[in-house]
Amino acid sequence: MSKKQTSEAELVKCEVCLKEVPASAAEHSETDDYVAHFCGLECYQQWRKKKADTPRDN
């Protein structure tokens, strides 16, 4: 199996709803220590809102 076929077959879980989606189709956001994956724009927006509403420790 080629690298392209492997990456297309790889599944990742949406950070919000935990739905599995192909890595090649997932939206992603690089955060402080990891990359978060999202099944679509709606889940990404929910995640951003939750992250913005969460107070940060200094």
Protein backbone atom coordinates (compact mmCIF):
# COMPACT_ATOMS: atom_id res chain seq x y z
CA MET A 1 0.00 0.00 0.00
CA SER A 2 1.42 3.41 -0.94
CA LYS A 3 1.74 6.31 1.50
CA LYS A 4 -1.13 8.10 -0.24
CA GLN A 5 -3.45 5.10 0.10
CA THR A 6 -2.45 4.67 3.75
CA SER A 7 -3.18 8.30 4.65
CA GLU A 8 -6.54 8.22 2.84
CA ALA A 9 -7.55 5.08 4.73
CA GLU A 10 -6.43 6.46 8.12
CA LEU A 11 -9.32 7.54 10.34
CA VAL A 12 -9.19 10.27 12.96
CA LYS A 13 -11.81 11.21 15.55
CA CYS A 14 -13.52 14.59 15.54
CA GLU A 15 -12.43 16.53 18.65
CA VAL A 16 -16.07 17.51 19.39
CA CYS A 17 -18.45 14.70 18.40
CA LEU A 18 -15.87 11.86 18.20
CA LYS A 19 -17.15 10.81 14.76
CA GLU A 20 -14.45 8.99 12.79
CA VAL A 21 -13.55 10.63 9.49
CA PRO A 22 -10.80 9.98 6.95
CA ALA A 23 -7.68 11.97 7.85
CA SER A 24 -7.59 13.34 4.31
CA ALA A 25 -11.09 14.87 4.73
CA ALA A 26 -10.79 16.15 8.30
CA GLU A 27 -10.49 19.81 9.17
CA HIS A 28 -7.67 20.39 11.63
CA SER A 29 -6.25 23.00 13.92
CA GLU A 30 -2.75 23.02 15.36
CA THR A 31 -3.04 23.80 19.04
CA ASP A 32 -0.38 24.24 21.71
CA ASP A 33 0.68 20.60 22.03
CA TYR A 34 -1.27 18.62 19.44
CA VAL A 35 -3.35 18.72 16.29
CA ALA A 36 -7.13 18.58 16.75
CA HIS A 37 -9.30 17.07 14.01
CA PHE A 38 -12.90 17.97 13.18
CA CYS A 39 -15.50 16.31 10.98
CA GLY A 40 -16.64 19.69 9.68
CA LEU A 41 -16.92 23.41 10.19
CA GLU A 42 -19.79 23.16 12.68
CA CYS A 43 -17.77 21.04 15.14
CA TYR A 44 -14.71 23.23 14.62
CA GLN A 45 -16.73 26.35 15.50
CA GLN A 46 -18.13 24.68 18.63
CA TRP A 47 -14.60 23.75 19.70
CA ARG A 48 -13.29 27.29 19.09
CA LYS A 49 -16.16 28.78 21.12
CA LYS A 50 -15.56 26.39 24.01
CA LYS A 51 -11.81 27.10 23.91
CA ALA A 52 -12.44 30.88 23.90
CA ASP A 53 -14.86 30.57 26.85
CA THR A 54 -12.41 28.53 28.94
CA PRO A 55 -10.20 30.68 31.21
CA ARG A 56 -6.46 30.07 30.80
CA ASP A 57 -4.06 29.51 33.67
CA ASN A 58 -1.15 31.94 33.76
